[in-house]
């Protein structure tokens, strides 16, 4: 199963992705304390897709749900006995982004309804 991502992300060059995406956590000092893994599972690609969707102004809730689903998928590919712990960490990560990520969401690009 592939990670959920908008078509624009799938078609983007690695150079463009590198300009928009920075792994997990915001740029700056706070981002240095945000891990790119959940108990050893690399989730940086889930973070990159999330960054991309925020920059494009996708629906914030959709971007956040894609983030949770992608983290869960990445965690499920690893050791099954650590899956419950990793899933718990993914939910905590999702909730932090869902409630505190508003300042990083690109509202200027968000579609109006």
C-alpha atoms as a PDB file:
ATOM      1  CA  UNK A   1       0.000   0.000   0.000  1.00  0.00           C
ATOM      2  CA  UNK A   2       1.309   3.442  -0.938  1.00  0.00           C
ATOM      3  CA  UNK A   3       1.305   6.566   1.180  1.00  0.00           C
ATOM      4  CA  UNK A   4      -1.555   8.994   0.652  1.00  0.00           C
ATOM      5  CA  UNK A   5      -0.394  12.120  -1.180  1.00  0.00           C
ATOM      6  CA  UNK A   6      -1.849  14.666  -3.574  1.00  0.00           C
ATOM      7  CA  UNK A   7      -0.992  14.220  -7.233  1.00  0.00           C
ATOM      8  CA  UNK A   8       1.040  17.443  -7.191  1.00  0.00           C
ATOM      9  CA  UNK A   9       3.378  15.918  -4.589  1.00  0.00           C
ATOM     10  CA  UNK A  10       3.750  12.698  -6.564  1.00  0.00           C
ATOM     11  CA  UNK A  11       4.644  14.638  -9.717  1.00  0.00           C
ATOM     12  CA  UNK A  12       6.964  17.193  -8.085  1.00  0.00           C
ATOM     13  CA  UNK A  13      10.715  17.022  -8.581  1.00  0.00           C
ATOM     14  CA  UNK A  14      12.946  16.175  -5.637  1.00  0.00           C
ATOM     15  CA  UNK A  15      14.408  19.682  -5.906  1.00  0.00           C
ATOM     16  CA  UNK A  16      10.984  21.305  -5.506  1.00  0.00           C
ATOM     17  CA  UNK A  17      10.080  18.975  -2.649  1.00  0.00           C
ATOM     18  CA  UNK A  18      13.351  19.955  -0.964  1.00  0.00           C
ATOM     19  CA  UNK A  19      12.361  23.628  -1.099  1.00  0.00           C
ATOM     20  CA  UNK A  20       8.914  23.013   0.398  1.00  0.00           C
ATOM     21  CA  UNK A  21       9.410  20.061   2.731  1.00  0.00           C
ATOM     22  CA  UNK A  22      11.754  19.811   5.708  1.00  0.00           C
ATOM     23  CA  UNK A  23      10.854  16.544   7.407  1.00  0.00           C
ATOM     24  CA  UNK A  24       9.183  16.580  10.787  1.00  0.00           C
ATOM     25  CA  UNK A  25       8.696  19.684  12.870  1.00  0.00           C
ATOM     26  CA  UNK A  26       8.773  23.328  11.902  1.00  0.00           C
ATOM     27  CA  UNK A  27      11.936  25.017  10.718  1.00  0.00           C
ATOM     28  CA  UNK A  28      13.938  26.646  13.462  1.00  0.00           C
ATOM     29  CA  UNK A  29      14.890  25.776  16.995  1.00  0.00           C
ATOM     30  CA  UNK A  30      11.631  24.009  17.904  1.00  0.00           C
ATOM     31  CA  UNK A  31      11.931  21.734  14.860  1.00  0.00           C
ATOM     32  CA  UNK A  32      15.250  20.412  16.112  1.00  0.00           C
ATOM     33  CA  UNK A  33      13.393  18.810  19.033  1.00  0.00           C
ATOM     34  CA  UNK A  34      10.712  17.120  16.906  1.00  0.00           C
ATOM     35  CA  UNK A  35      11.766  13.584  15.980  1.00  0.00           C
ATOM     36  CA  UNK A  36      11.613  12.156  12.447  1.00  0.00           C
ATOM     37  CA  UNK A  37      10.754   8.738  13.858  1.00  0.00           C
ATOM     38  CA  UNK A  38       8.281   6.978  16.104  1.00  0.00           C
ATOM     39  CA  UNK A  39      10.102   4.441  18.243  1.00  0.00           C
ATOM     40  CA  UNK A  40      12.570   3.818  15.420  1.00  0.00           C
ATOM     41  CA  UNK A  41      10.160   4.004  12.465  1.00  0.00           C
ATOM     42  CA  UNK A  42      11.129   6.756  10.010  1.00  0.00           C
ATOM     43  CA  UNK A  43       8.087   8.968   9.385  1.00  0.00           C
ATOM     44  CA  UNK A  44       9.870  11.779   7.526  1.00  0.00           C
ATOM     45  CA  UNK A  45       8.031  11.023   4.257  1.00  0.00           C
ATOM     46  CA  UNK A  46       4.675  11.384   6.054  1.00  0.00           C
ATOM     47  CA  UNK A  47       5.926  14.711   7.414  1.00  0.00           C
ATOM     48  CA  UNK A  48       7.063  15.831   3.961  1.00  0.00           C
ATOM     49  CA  UNK A  49       3.663  15.068   2.423  1.00  0.00           C
ATOM     50  CA  UNK A  50       2.040  16.962   5.295  1.00  0.00           C
ATOM     51  CA  UNK A  51       4.352  19.954   4.732  1.00  0.00           C
ATOM     52  CA  UNK A  52       3.467  19.898   1.037  1.00  0.00           C
ATOM     53  CA  UNK A  53      -0.263  19.826   1.703  1.00  0.00           C
ATOM     54  CA  UNK A  54       0.007  22.677   4.222  1.00  0.00           C
ATOM     55  CA  UNK A  55       2.014  24.771   1.740  1.00  0.00           C
ATOM     56  CA  UNK A  56      -0.509  24.125  -1.034  1.00  0.00           C
ATOM     57  CA  UNK A  57      -3.335  25.176   1.245  1.00  0.00           C
ATOM     58  CA  UNK A  58      -5.110  21.828   1.025  1.00  0.00           C
ATOM     59  CA  UNK A  59      -7.903  21.448   3.539  1.00  0.00           C
ATOM     60  CA  UNK A  60      -6.122  21.422   6.889  1.00  0.00           C
ATOM     61  CA  UNK A  61      -8.194  18.541   8.243  1.00  0.00           C
ATOM     62  CA  UNK A  62      -7.516  16.487   5.125  1.00  0.00           C
ATOM     63  CA  UNK A  63      -3.775  17.147   5.403  1.00  0.00           C
ATOM     64  CA  UNK A  64      -3.814  16.180   9.085  1.00  0.00           C
ATOM     65  CA  UNK A  65      -5.785  12.974   8.444  1.00  0.00           C
ATOM     66  CA  UNK A  66      -3.407  12.023   5.593  1.00  0.00           C
ATOM     67  CA  UNK A  67      -0.558  12.595   8.064  1.00  0.00           C
ATOM     68  CA  UNK A  68      -2.089  10.225  10.627  1.00  0.00           C
ATOM     69  CA  UNK A  69      -2.902   7.581   8.003  1.00  0.00           C
ATOM     70  CA  UNK A  70       0.603   7.755   6.538  1.00  0.00           C
ATOM     71  CA  UNK A  71       2.241   7.488   9.957  1.00  0.00           C
ATOM     72  CA  UNK A  72       0.065   4.454  10.736  1.00  0.00           C
ATOM     73  CA  UNK A  73       0.963   2.838   7.404  1.00  0.00           C
ATOM     74  CA  UNK A  74       4.688   3.399   7.944  1.00  0.00           C
ATOM     75  CA  UNK A  75       4.460   2.015  11.484  1.00  0.00           C
ATOM     76  CA  UNK A  76       2.558  -1.057  10.292  1.00  0.00           C
ATOM     77  CA  UNK A  77       5.467  -1.963   8.000  1.00  0.00           C
ATOM     78  CA  UNK A  78       7.757  -2.388  11.003  1.00  0.00           C
ATOM     79  CA  UNK A  79       7.815  -4.815  13.918  1.00  0.00           C
ATOM     80  CA  UNK A  80       4.254  -5.772  14.828  1.00  0.00           C
ATOM     81  CA  UNK A  81       4.940  -6.041  18.552  1.00  0.00           C
ATOM     82  CA  UNK A  82       5.818  -2.323  18.718  1.00  0.00           C
ATOM     83  CA  UNK A  83       2.818  -1.295  16.585  1.00  0.00           C
ATOM     84  CA  UNK A  84       0.518  -0.410  19.524  1.00  0.00           C
ATOM     85  CA  UNK A  85       3.169   1.873  21.037  1.00  0.00           C
ATOM     86  CA  UNK A  86       3.991   3.468  17.683  1.00  0.00           C
ATOM     87  CA  UNK A  87       0.289   3.950  16.923  1.00  0.00           C
ATOM     88  CA  UNK A  88      -0.145   5.666  20.293  1.00  0.00           C
ATOM     89  CA  UNK A  89       2.778   7.980  19.458  1.00  0.00           C
ATOM     90  CA  UNK A  90       1.292   8.666  16.001  1.00  0.00           C
ATOM     91  CA  UNK A  91      -2.033   9.679  17.540  1.00  0.00           C
ATOM     92  CA  UNK A  92      -0.252  11.993  19.993  1.00  0.00           C
ATOM     93  CA  UNK A  93       1.719  13.512  17.099  1.00  0.00           C
ATOM     94  CA  UNK A  94      -1.479  13.916  15.059  1.00  0.00           C
ATOM     95  CA  UNK A  95      -3.273  15.649  17.930  1.00  0.00           C
ATOM     96  CA  UNK A  96      -0.376  18.048  18.463  1.00  0.00           C
ATOM     97  CA  UNK A  97      -0.386  18.967  14.761  1.00  0.00           C
ATOM     98  CA  UNK A  98      -4.176  19.117  14.593  1.00  0.00           C
ATOM     99  CA  UNK A  99      -4.452  21.529  17.514  1.00  0.00           C
ATOM    100  CA  UNK A 100      -1.199  23.496  17.221  1.00  0.00           C
ATOM    101  CA  UNK A 101      -0.446  23.396  13.490  1.00  0.00           C
ATOM    102  CA  UNK A 102      -2.741  26.240  12.520  1.00  0.00           C
ATOM    103  CA  UNK A 103       0.029  28.847  12.523  1.00  0.00           C
ATOM    104  CA  UNK A 104       1.998  26.787   9.967  1.00  0.00           C
ATOM    105  CA  UNK A 105      -0.939  26.171   7.643  1.00  0.00           C
ATOM    106  CA  UNK A 106      -0.871  28.344   4.514  1.00  0.00           C
ATOM    107  CA  UNK A 107      -4.249  30.063   4.845  1.00  0.00           C
ATOM    108  CA  UNK A 108      -3.489  32.342   1.882  1.00  0.00           C
ATOM    109  CA  UNK A 109      -3.596  29.315  -0.437  1.00  0.00           C
ATOM    110  CA  UNK A 110      -6.525  27.591   1.258  1.00  0.00           C
ATOM    111  CA  UNK A 111      -9.623  27.159  -0.887  1.00  0.00           C
ATOM    112  CA  UNK A 112     -12.610  29.195   0.207  1.00  0.00           C
ATOM    113  CA  UNK A 113     -15.944  27.504   0.718  1.00  0.00           C
END
